[in-house]
PDB file of N, CA and C in Angstrom:
ATOM      1  N   MET A   1      99.656  85.836 108.669  1.00  0.00           N
ATOM      2  CA  MET A   1     100.385  86.191 107.457  1.00  0.00           C
ATOM      3  C   MET A   1     101.435  85.119 107.178  1.00  0.00           C
ATOM      4  N   GLY A   2     101.584  84.752 105.929  1.00  0.00           N
ATOM      5  CA  GLY A   2     102.506  83.696 105.549  1.00  0.00           C
ATOM      6  C   GLY A   2     103.824  84.217 105.026  1.00  0.00           C
ATOM      7  N   VAL A   3     104.531  83.336 104.352  1.00  0.00           N
ATOM      8  CA  VAL A   3     105.820  83.663 103.751  1.00  0.00           C
ATOM      9  C   VAL A   3     105.587  83.852 102.254  1.00  0.00           C
ATOM     10  N   ASP A   4     105.707  85.079 101.783  1.00  0.00           N
ATOM     11  CA  ASP A   4     105.535  85.363 100.361  1.00  0.00           C
ATOM     12  C   ASP A   4     106.828  85.047  99.613  1.00  0.00           C
ATOM     13  N   SER A   5     106.687  84.564  98.389  1.00  0.00           N
ATOM     14  CA  SER A   5     107.826  84.222  97.537  1.00  0.00           C
ATOM     15  C   SER A   5     107.892  85.216  96.387  1.00  0.00           C
ATOM     16  N   SER A   6     109.099  85.630  96.035  1.00  0.00           N
ATOM     17  CA  SER A   6     109.233  86.633  94.981  1.00  0.00           C
ATOM     18  C   SER A   6     110.492  86.387  94.160  1.00  0.00           C
ATOM     19  N   TRP A   7     110.335  86.439  92.853  1.00  0.00           N
ATOM     20  CA  TRP A   7     111.473  86.427  91.929  1.00  0.00           C
ATOM     21  C   TRP A   7     111.732  87.883  91.591  1.00  0.00           C
ATOM     22  N   GLU A   8     112.955  88.341  91.830  1.00  0.00           N
ATOM     23  CA  GLU A   8     113.247  89.762  91.697  1.00  0.00           C
ATOM     24  C   GLU A   8     114.530  90.031  90.925  1.00  0.00           C
ATOM     25  N   HIS A   9     114.541  91.204  90.283  1.00  0.00           N
ATOM     26  CA  HIS A   9     115.778  91.718  89.690  1.00  0.00           C
ATOM     27  C   HIS A   9     116.710  92.139  90.824  1.00  0.00           C
ATOM     28  N   GLU A  10     117.973  92.334  90.497  1.00  0.00           N
ATOM     29  CA  GLU A  10     118.932  92.709  91.532  1.00  0.00           C
ATOM     30  C   GLU A  10     118.627  94.064  92.167  1.00  0.00           C
ATOM     31  N   ASP A  11     117.862  94.909  91.501  1.00  0.00           N
ATOM     32  CA  ASP A  11     117.505  96.197  92.094  1.00  0.00           C
ATOM     33  C   ASP A  11     116.262  96.095  92.992  1.00  0.00           C
ATOM     34  N   GLY A  12     115.718  94.881  93.133  1.00  0.00           N
ATOM     35  CA  GLY A  12     114.584  94.658  94.022  1.00  0.00           C
ATOM     36  C   GLY A  12     113.221  94.740  93.367  1.00  0.00           C
ATOM     37  N   THR A  13     113.190  95.061  92.077  1.00  0.00           N
ATOM     38  CA  THR A  13     111.886  95.092  91.412  1.00  0.00           C
ATOM     39  C   THR A  13     111.402  93.661  91.176  1.00  0.00           C
ATOM     40  N   SER A  14     110.116  93.472  91.397  1.00  0.00           N
ATOM     41  CA  SER A  14     109.531  92.141  91.317  1.00  0.00           C
ATOM     42  C   SER A  14     109.275  91.721  89.875  1.00  0.00           C
ATOM     43  N   ILE A  15     109.626  90.500  89.569  1.00  0.00           N
ATOM     44  CA  ILE A  15     109.302  89.891  88.280  1.00  0.00           C
ATOM     45  C   ILE A  15     108.005  89.103  88.430  1.00  0.00           C
ATOM     46  N   GLU A  16     107.924  88.346  89.521  1.00  0.00           N
ATOM     47  CA  GLU A  16     106.719  87.571  89.817  1.00  0.00           C
ATOM     48  C   GLU A  16     106.685  87.301  91.315  1.00  0.00           C
ATOM     49  N   ARG A  17     105.479  87.314  91.877  1.00  0.00           N
ATOM     50  CA  ARG A  17     105.328  87.142  93.321  1.00  0.00           C
ATOM     51  C   ARG A  17     104.207  86.145  93.608  1.00  0.00           C
ATOM     52  N   ILE A  18     104.418  85.322  94.626  1.00  0.00           N
ATOM     53  CA  ILE A  18     103.413  84.374  95.088  1.00  0.00           C
ATOM     54  C   ILE A  18     103.108  84.703  96.544  1.00  0.00           C
ATOM     55  N   GLY A  19     101.885  85.131  96.799  1.00  0.00           N
ATOM     56  CA  GLY A  19     101.469  85.416  98.161  1.00  0.00           C
ATOM     57  C   GLY A  19     101.151  84.123  98.912  1.00  0.00           C
ATOM     58  N   ASP A  20     101.117  84.228 100.220  1.00  0.00           N
ATOM     59  CA  ASP A  20     100.843  83.057 101.061  1.00  0.00           C
ATOM     60  C   ASP A  20      99.915  83.443 102.219  1.00  0.00           C
ATOM     61  N   PRO A  21      98.713  83.949 101.917  1.00  0.00           N
ATOM     62  CA  PRO A  21      97.834  84.400 102.998  1.00  0.00           C
ATOM     63  C   PRO A  21      97.325  83.264 103.893  1.00  0.00           C
ATOM     64  N   GLN A  22      97.358  82.025 103.405  1.00  0.00           N
ATOM     65  CA  GLN A  22      96.903  80.893 104.212  1.00  0.00           C
ATOM     66  C   GLN A  22      98.036  80.215 104.984  1.00  0.00           C
ATOM     67  N   ASN A  23      99.217  80.807 104.961  1.00  0.00           N
ATOM     68  CA  ASN A  23     100.343  80.291 105.756  1.00  0.00           C
ATOM     69  C   ASN A  23     100.785  78.888 105.330  1.00  0.00           C
ATOM     70  N   ARG A  24     100.662  78.564 104.085  1.00  0.00           N
ATOM     71  CA  ARG A  24     100.970  77.212 103.610  1.00  0.00           C
ATOM     72  C   ARG A  24     102.452  76.876 103.720  1.00  0.00           C
ATOM     73  N   LEU A  25     103.307  77.813 103.366  1.00  0.00           N
ATOM     74  CA  LEU A  25     104.744  77.532 103.453  1.00  0.00           C
ATOM     75  C   LEU A  25     105.169  77.357 104.907  1.00  0.00           C
ATOM     76  N   CYS A  26     104.613  78.148 105.795  1.00  0.00           N
ATOM     77  CA  CYS A  26     104.924  77.998 107.226  1.00  0.00           C
ATOM     78  C   CYS A  26     104.475  76.634 107.741  1.00  0.00           C
ATOM     79  N   ARG A  27     103.308  76.178 107.309  1.00  0.00           N
ATOM     80  CA  ARG A  27     102.828  74.859 107.731  1.00  0.00           C
ATOM     81  C   ARG A  27     103.797  73.784 107.271  1.00  0.00           C
ATOM     82  N   PHE A  28     104.300  73.915 106.053  1.00  0.00           N
ATOM     83  CA  PHE A  28     105.287  72.964 105.561  1.00  0.00           C
ATOM     84  C   PHE A  28     106.561  73.026 106.401  1.00  0.00           C
ATOM     85  N   LEU A  29     107.073  74.236 106.626  1.00  0.00           N
ATOM     86  CA  LEU A  29     108.329  74.398 107.352  1.00  0.00           C
ATOM     87  C   LEU A  29     108.243  73.854 108.776  1.00  0.00           C
ATOM     88  N   GLN A  30     107.099  74.034 109.418  1.00  0.00           N
ATOM     89  CA  GLN A  30     106.936  73.571 110.796  1.00  0.00           C
ATOM     90  C   GLN A  30     106.894  72.054 110.890  1.00  0.00           C
ATOM     91  N   GLY A  31     106.371  71.391 109.866  1.00  0.00           N
ATOM     92  CA  GLY A  31     106.204  69.943 109.951  1.00  0.00           C
ATOM     93  C   GLY A  31     107.287  69.138 109.258  1.00  0.00           C
ATOM     94  N   ALA A  32     108.183  69.779 108.545  1.00  0.00           N
ATOM     95  CA  ALA A  32     109.172  69.056 107.745  1.00  0.00           C
ATOM     96  C   ALA A  32     110.497  68.889 108.488  1.00  0.00           C
ATOM     97  N   ASP A  33     111.134  67.755 108.237  1.00  0.00           N
ATOM     98  CA  ASP A  33     112.493  67.539 108.735  1.00  0.00           C
ATOM     99  C   ASP A  33     113.448  67.982 107.629  1.00  0.00           C
ATOM    100  N   LEU A  34     114.018  69.144 107.787  1.00  0.00           N
ATOM    101  CA  LEU A  34     114.852  69.742 106.739  1.00  0.00           C
ATOM    102  C   LEU A  34     116.348  69.660 107.036  1.00  0.00           C
ATOM    103  N   ARG A  35     116.716  68.862 108.028  1.00  0.00           N
ATOM    104  CA  ARG A  35     118.133  68.781 108.411  1.00  0.00           C
ATOM    105  C   ARG A  35     119.032  68.317 107.274  1.00  0.00           C
ATOM    106  N   GLY A  36     118.516  67.502 106.370  1.00  0.00           N
ATOM    107  CA  GLY A  36     119.329  66.993 105.270  1.00  0.00           C
ATOM    108  C   GLY A  36     119.351  67.893 104.047  1.00  0.00           C
ATOM    109  N   THR A  37     118.715  69.052 104.132  1.00  0.00           N
ATOM    110  CA  THR A  37     118.681  69.957 102.990  1.00  0.00           C
ATOM    111  C   THR A  37     119.785  71.003 103.102  1.00  0.00           C
ATOM    112  N   VAL A  38     120.110  71.585 101.979  1.00  0.00           N
ATOM    113  CA  VAL A  38     121.132  72.626 101.937  1.00  0.00           C
ATOM    114  C   VAL A  38     120.493  74.014 101.975  1.00  0.00           C
ATOM    115  N   CYS A  39     119.413  74.199 101.231  1.00  0.00           N
ATOM    116  CA  CYS A  39     118.771  75.513 101.137  1.00  0.00           C
ATOM    117  C   CYS A  39     117.478  75.598 101.938  1.00  0.00           C
ATOM    118  N   LEU A  40     116.606  74.619 101.803  1.00  0.00           N
ATOM    119  CA  LEU A  40     115.295  74.688 102.443  1.00  0.00           C
ATOM    120  C   LEU A  40     115.371  74.909 103.947  1.00  0.00           C
ATOM    121  N   ARG A  41     116.367  74.350 104.579  1.00  0.00           N
ATOM    122  CA  ARG A  41     116.449  74.491 106.042  1.00  0.00           C
ATOM    123  C   ARG A  41     116.711  75.926 106.481  1.00  0.00           C
ATOM    124  N   PHE A  42     117.115  76.778 105.569  1.00  0.00           N
ATOM    125  CA  PHE A  42     117.402  78.168 105.926  1.00  0.00           C
ATOM    126  C   PHE A  42     116.243  79.119 105.634  1.00  0.00           C
ATOM    127  N   LEU A  43     115.120  78.603 105.138  1.00  0.00           N
ATOM    128  CA  LEU A  43     113.943  79.459 104.968  1.00  0.00           C
ATOM    129  C   LEU A  43     113.461  79.888 106.343  1.00  0.00           C
ATOM    130  N   ASP A  44     113.385  81.174 106.543  1.00  0.00           N
ATOM    131  CA  ASP A  44     113.022  81.741 107.851  1.00  0.00           C
ATOM    132  C   ASP A  44     111.581  82.244 107.802  1.00  0.00           C
ATOM    133  N   PRO A  45     110.655  81.570 108.510  1.00  0.00           N
ATOM    134  CA  PRO A  45     109.261  82.008 108.461  1.00  0.00           C
ATOM    135  C   PRO A  45     109.016  83.361 109.117  1.00  0.00           C
ATOM    136  N   PHE A  46     109.982  83.865 109.886  1.00  0.00           N
ATOM    137  CA  PHE A  46     109.804  85.132 110.600  1.00  0.00           C
ATOM    138  C   PHE A  46     110.718  86.239 110.092  1.00  0.00           C
ATOM    139  N   GLY A  47     111.519  85.926 109.089  1.00  0.00           N
ATOM    140  CA  GLY A  47     112.437  86.910 108.520  1.00  0.00           C
ATOM    141  C   GLY A  47     112.456  86.775 107.017  1.00  0.00           C
ATOM    142  N   ASP A  48     113.432  87.363 106.395  1.00  0.00           N
ATOM    143  CA  ASP A  48     113.561  87.309 104.945  1.00  0.00           C
ATOM    144  C   ASP A  48     114.726  86.405 104.569  1.00  0.00           C
ATOM    145  N   THR A  49     114.564  85.686 103.464  1.00  0.00           N
ATOM    146  CA  THR A  49     115.594  84.776 102.970  1.00  0.00           C
ATOM    147  C   THR A  49     115.779  85.045 101.486  1.00  0.00           C
ATOM    148  N   THR A  50     117.041  85.138 101.045  1.00  0.00           N
ATOM    149  CA  THR A  50     117.345  85.399  99.642  1.00  0.00           C
ATOM    150  C   THR A  50     118.250  84.305  99.101  1.00  0.00           C
ATOM    151  N   PHE A  51     117.887  83.783  97.917  1.00  0.00           N
ATOM    152  CA  PHE A  51     118.712  82.782  97.243  1.00  0.00           C
ATOM    153  C   PHE A  51     119.250  83.363  95.947  1.00  0.00           C
ATOM    154  N   ASN A  52     120.565  83.202  95.734  1.00  0.00           N
ATOM    155  CA  ASN A  52     121.186  83.668  94.501  1.00  0.00           C
ATOM    156  C   ASN A  52     121.096  82.575  93.433  1.00  0.00           C
ATOM    157  N   GLN A  53     121.634  82.822  92.261  1.00  0.00           N
ATOM    158  CA  GLN A  53     121.516  81.876  91.162  1.00  0.00           C
ATOM    159  C   GLN A  53     122.168  80.521  91.458  1.00  0.00           C
ATOM    160  N   LEU A  54     123.278  80.494  92.141  1.00  0.00           N
ATOM    161  CA  LEU A  54     123.903  79.223  92.484  1.00  0.00           C
ATOM    162  C   LEU A  54     123.051  78.432  93.471  1.00  0.00           C
ATOM    163  N   GLN A  55     122.420  79.123  94.381  1.00  0.00           N
ATOM    164  CA  GLN A  55     121.571  78.469  95.377  1.00  0.00           C
ATOM    165  C   GLN A  55     120.234  78.038  94.796  1.00  0.00           C
ATOM    166  N   ILE A  56     119.721  78.765  93.832  1.00  0.00           N
ATOM    167  CA  ILE A  56     118.435  78.416  93.226  1.00  0.00           C
ATOM    168  C   ILE A  56     118.500  77.035  92.579  1.00  0.00           C
ATOM    169  N   VAL A  57     119.616  76.688  91.984  1.00  0.00           N
ATOM    170  CA  VAL A  57     119.786  75.360  91.376  1.00  0.00           C
ATOM    171  C   VAL A  57     119.563  74.273  92.431  1.00  0.00           C
ATOM    172  N   VAL A  58     120.152  74.448  93.595  1.00  0.00           N
ATOM    173  CA  VAL A  58     120.011  73.479  94.687  1.00  0.00           C
ATOM    174  C   VAL A  58     118.587  73.504  95.234  1.00  0.00           C
ATOM    175  N   LEU A  59     118.023  74.694  95.382  1.00  0.00           N
ATOM    176  CA  LEU A  59     116.659  74.828  95.888  1.00  0.00           C
ATOM    177  C   LEU A  59     115.668  74.090  94.983  1.00  0.00           C
ATOM    178  N   VAL A  60     115.829  74.201  93.676  1.00  0.00           N
ATOM    179  CA  VAL A  60     114.958  73.494  92.730  1.00  0.00           C
ATOM    180  C   VAL A  60     115.049  71.989  92.969  1.00  0.00           C
ATOM    181  N   GLU A  61     116.249  71.470  93.102  1.00  0.00           N
ATOM    182  CA  GLU A  61     116.423  70.026  93.341  1.00  0.00           C
ATOM    183  C   GLU A  61     115.744  69.595  94.633  1.00  0.00           C
ATOM    184  N   GLU A  62     115.894  70.395  95.677  1.00  0.00           N
ATOM    185  CA  GLU A  62     115.281  70.053  96.961  1.00  0.00           C
ATOM    186  C   GLU A  62     113.755  70.095  96.874  1.00  0.00           C
ATOM    187  N   LEU A  63     113.221  71.107  96.224  1.00  0.00           N
ATOM    188  CA  LEU A  63     111.769  71.198  96.077  1.00  0.00           C
ATOM    189  C   LEU A  63     111.228  70.038  95.243  1.00  0.00           C
ATOM    190  N   GLN A  64     111.938  69.666  94.203  1.00  0.00           N
ATOM    191  CA  GLN A  64     111.500  68.547  93.379  1.00  0.00           C
ATOM    192  C   GLN A  64     111.418  67.259  94.200  1.00  0.00           C
ATOM    193  N   GLY A  65     112.302  67.141  95.169  1.00  0.00           N
ATOM    194  CA  GLY A  65     112.328  65.942  95.992  1.00  0.00           C
ATOM    195  C   GLY A  65     111.252  65.871  97.063  1.00  0.00           C
ATOM    196  N   ILE A  66     110.653  67.000  97.423  1.00  0.00           N
ATOM    197  CA  ILE A  66     109.712  66.996  98.543  1.00  0.00           C
ATOM    198  C   ILE A  66     108.266  67.293  98.154  1.00  0.00           C
ATOM    199  N   VAL A  67     108.042  67.887  97.004  1.00  0.00           N
ATOM    200  CA  VAL A  67     106.698  68.339  96.651  1.00  0.00           C
ATOM    201  C   VAL A  67     105.692  67.193  96.641  1.00  0.00           C
ATOM    202  N   SER A  68     105.985  66.149  95.922  1.00  0.00           N
ATOM    203  CA  SER A  68     105.006  65.067  95.771  1.00  0.00           C
ATOM    204  C   SER A  68     104.752  64.312  97.067  1.00  0.00           C
ATOM    205  N   ALA A  69     105.652  64.422  98.029  1.00  0.00           N
ATOM    206  CA  ALA A  69     105.496  63.705  99.299  1.00  0.00           C
ATOM    207  C   ALA A  69     104.623  64.450 100.302  1.00  0.00           C
ATOM    208  N   GLN A  70     104.170  65.647  99.949  1.00  0.00           N
ATOM    209  CA  GLN A  70     103.363  66.434 100.886  1.00  0.00           C
ATOM    210  C   GLN A  70     101.949  65.882 100.961  1.00  0.00           C
ATOM    211  N   PRO A  71     101.508  65.497 102.160  1.00  0.00           N
ATOM    212  CA  PRO A  71     100.177  64.898 102.292  1.00  0.00           C
ATOM    213  C   PRO A  71      99.036  65.906 102.193  1.00  0.00           C
ATOM    214  N   GLU A  72      99.287  67.162 102.523  1.00  0.00           N
ATOM    215  CA  GLU A  72      98.237  68.172 102.524  1.00  0.00           C
ATOM    216  C   GLU A  72      98.155  68.812 101.131  1.00  0.00           C
ATOM    217  N   PRO A  73      97.029  68.625 100.416  1.00  0.00           N
ATOM    218  CA  PRO A  73      96.930  69.109  99.031  1.00  0.00           C
ATOM    219  C   PRO A  73      97.203  70.605  98.861  1.00  0.00           C
ATOM    220  N   GLU A  74      96.714  71.440  99.776  1.00  0.00           N
ATOM    221  CA  GLU A  74      96.944  72.881  99.652  1.00  0.00           C
ATOM    222  C   GLU A  74      98.422  73.221  99.766  1.00  0.00           C
ATOM    223  N   VAL A  75      99.109  72.571 100.686  1.00  0.00           N
ATOM    224  CA  VAL A  75     100.550  72.803 100.859  1.00  0.00           C
ATOM    225  C   VAL A  75     101.298  72.293  99.635  1.00  0.00           C
ATOM    226  N   ARG A  76     100.934  71.109  99.150  1.00  0.00           N
ATOM    227  CA  ARG A  76     101.587  70.530  97.973  1.00  0.00           C
ATOM    228  C   ARG A  76     101.428  71.449  96.764  1.00  0.00           C
ATOM    229  N   ASP A  77     100.221  71.970  96.548  1.00  0.00           N
ATOM    230  CA  ASP A  77      99.989  72.871  95.416  1.00  0.00           C
ATOM    231  C   ASP A  77     100.796  74.166  95.550  1.00  0.00           C
ATOM    232  N   HIS A  78     100.874  74.677  96.767  1.00  0.00           N
ATOM    233  CA  HIS A  78     101.648  75.902  96.996  1.00  0.00           C
ATOM    234  C   HIS A  78     103.142  75.647  96.732  1.00  0.00           C
ATOM    235  N   LEU A  79     103.651  74.531  97.196  1.00  0.00           N
ATOM    236  CA  LEU A  79     105.060  74.192  96.953  1.00  0.00           C
ATOM    237  C   LEU A  79     105.320  74.004  95.461  1.00  0.00           C
ATOM    238  N   ARG A  80     104.364  73.458  94.743  1.00  0.00           N
ATOM    239  CA  ARG A  80     104.515  73.324  93.283  1.00  0.00           C
ATOM    240  C   ARG A  80     104.615  74.687  92.614  1.00  0.00           C
ATOM    241  N   ARG A  81     103.809  75.635  93.080  1.00  0.00           N
ATOM    242  CA  ARG A  81     103.873  76.994  92.518  1.00  0.00           C
ATOM    243  C   ARG A  81     105.248  77.613  92.783  1.00  0.00           C
ATOM    244  N   ILE A  82     105.784  77.399  93.988  1.00  0.00           N
ATOM    245  CA  ILE A  82     107.114  77.915  94.315  1.00  0.00           C
ATOM    246  C   ILE A  82     108.164  77.216  93.462  1.00  0.00           C
ATOM    247  N   LEU A  83     108.036  75.912  93.290  1.00  0.00           N
ATOM    248  CA  LEU A  83     108.970  75.168  92.443  1.00  0.00           C
ATOM    249  C   LEU A  83     108.931  75.712  91.020  1.00  0.00           C
ATOM    250  N   ASP A  84     107.753  75.926  90.466  1.00  0.00           N
ATOM    251  CA  ASP A  84     107.639  76.475  89.109  1.00  0.00           C
ATOM    252  C   ASP A  84     108.311  77.844  89.012  1.00  0.00           C
ATOM    253  N   LEU A  85     108.123  78.664  90.036  1.00  0.00           N
ATOM    254  CA  LEU A  85     108.765  79.979  90.062  1.00  0.00           C
ATOM    255  C   LEU A  85     110.286  79.835  90.098  1.00  0.00           C
ATOM    256  N   ALA A  86     110.772  78.934  90.916  1.00  0.00           N
ATOM    257  CA  ALA A  86     112.225  78.713  91.028  1.00  0.00           C
ATOM    258  C   ALA A  86     112.805  78.192  89.716  1.00  0.00           C
ATOM    259  N   ILE A  87     112.069  77.336  89.031  1.00  0.00           N
ATOM    260  CA  ILE A  87     112.538  76.817  87.740  1.00  0.00           C
ATOM    261  C   ILE A  87     112.647  77.957  86.724  1.00  0.00           C
ATOM    262  N   ARG A  88     111.652  78.835  86.704  1.00  0.00           N
ATOM    263  CA  ARG A  88     111.716  79.979  85.782  1.00  0.00           C
ATOM    264  C   ARG A  88     112.853  80.930  86.142  1.00  0.00           C
ATOM    265  N   ALA A  89     113.136  81.071  87.429  1.00  0.00           N
ATOM    266  CA  ALA A  89     114.193  81.983  87.887  1.00  0.00           C
ATOM    267  C   ALA A  89     115.590  81.411  87.657  1.00  0.00           C
ATOM    268  N   ARG A  90     115.695  80.091  87.669  1.00  0.00           N
ATOM    269  CA  ARG A  90     116.997  79.425  87.546  1.00  0.00           C
ATOM    270  C   ARG A  90     117.696  79.834  86.250  1.00  0.00           C
ATOM    271  N   GLY A  91     118.935  80.256  86.378  1.00  0.00           N
ATOM    272  CA  GLY A  91     119.739  80.609  85.214  1.00  0.00           C
ATOM    273  C   GLY A  91     119.510  82.014  84.672  1.00  0.00           C
ATOM    274  N   GLN A  92     118.668  82.791  85.327  1.00  0.00           N
ATOM    275  CA  GLN A  92     118.379  84.152  84.880  1.00  0.00           C
ATOM    276  C   GLN A  92     119.297  85.128  85.620  1.00  0.00           C
ATOM    277  N   ALA A  93     120.337  85.542  84.954  1.00  0.00           N
ATOM    278  CA  ALA A  93     121.376  86.377  85.563  1.00  0.00           C
ATOM    279  C   ALA A  93     120.792  87.626  86.225  1.00  0.00           C
ATOM    280  N   HIS A  94     121.406  87.999  87.322  1.00  0.00           N
ATOM    281  CA  HIS A  94     121.069  89.216  88.063  1.00  0.00           C
ATOM    282  C   HIS A  94     119.656  89.198  88.641  1.00  0.00           C
ATOM    283  N   THR A  95     119.159  87.994  88.921  1.00  0.00           N
ATOM    284  CA  THR A  95     117.865  87.867  89.593  1.00  0.00           C
ATOM    285  C   THR A  95     118.021  86.962  90.808  1.00  0.00           C
ATOM    286  N   TYR A  96     117.083  87.092  91.735  1.00  0.00           N
ATOM    287  CA  TYR A  96     117.127  86.363  93.000  1.00  0.00           C
ATOM    288  C   TYR A  96     115.745  85.835  93.337  1.00  0.00           C
ATOM    289  N   LEU A  97     115.710  84.782  94.108  1.00  0.00           N
ATOM    290  CA  LEU A  97     114.464  84.277  94.647  1.00  0.00           C
ATOM    291  C   LEU A  97     114.435  84.651  96.118  1.00  0.00           C
ATOM    292  N   LYS A  98     113.400  85.393  96.518  1.00  0.00           N
ATOM    293  CA  LYS A  98     113.334  85.900  97.879  1.00  0.00           C
ATOM    294  C   LYS A  98     112.061  85.415  98.561  1.00  0.00           C
ATOM    295  N   PHE A  99     112.175  85.218  99.862  1.00  0.00           N
ATOM    296  CA  PHE A  99     111.055  84.799 100.687  1.00  0.00           C
ATOM    297  C   PHE A  99     110.930  85.802 101.818  1.00  0.00           C
ATOM    298  N   PHE A 100     109.729  86.349 101.978  1.00  0.00           N
ATOM    299  CA  PHE A 100     109.480  87.386 102.980  1.00  0.00           C
ATOM    300  C   PHE A 100     108.564  86.847 104.057  1.00  0.00           C
ATOM    301  N   GLY A 101     109.131  86.626 105.243  1.00  0.00           N
ATOM    302  CA  GLY A 101     108.355  86.124 106.376  1.00  0.00           C
ATOM    303  C   GLY A 101     107.705  87.247 107.134  1.00  0.00           C
ATOM    304  N   ASP A 102     107.034  86.852 108.228  1.00  0.00           N
ATOM    305  CA  ASP A 102     106.312  87.838 109.062  1.00  0.00           C
ATOM    306  C   ASP A 102     107.214  88.900 109.605  1.00  0.00           C
TER     307      ASP A 102
END
């Protein structure tokens, strides 16, 4: 089981969700050096991670910087889907971007 991504209202209702049955986000997290990141390094493949509107702005910038550098096409495509979701979520008051690990 992978890390599912979800854009949610503050009451927890889902606006849009991206499943990860092939564990693509975990594969990225295991192989990436995220020490220089502010948000990405806190994605927990075994727990849940929530980003608020201020953090989503930073997360978008970090994803934009790493997506094209991914050598594995499936992982790159999955990260692009997450980036697109984060871009849509950015600036939408009272919503959060959440990641649900194993």
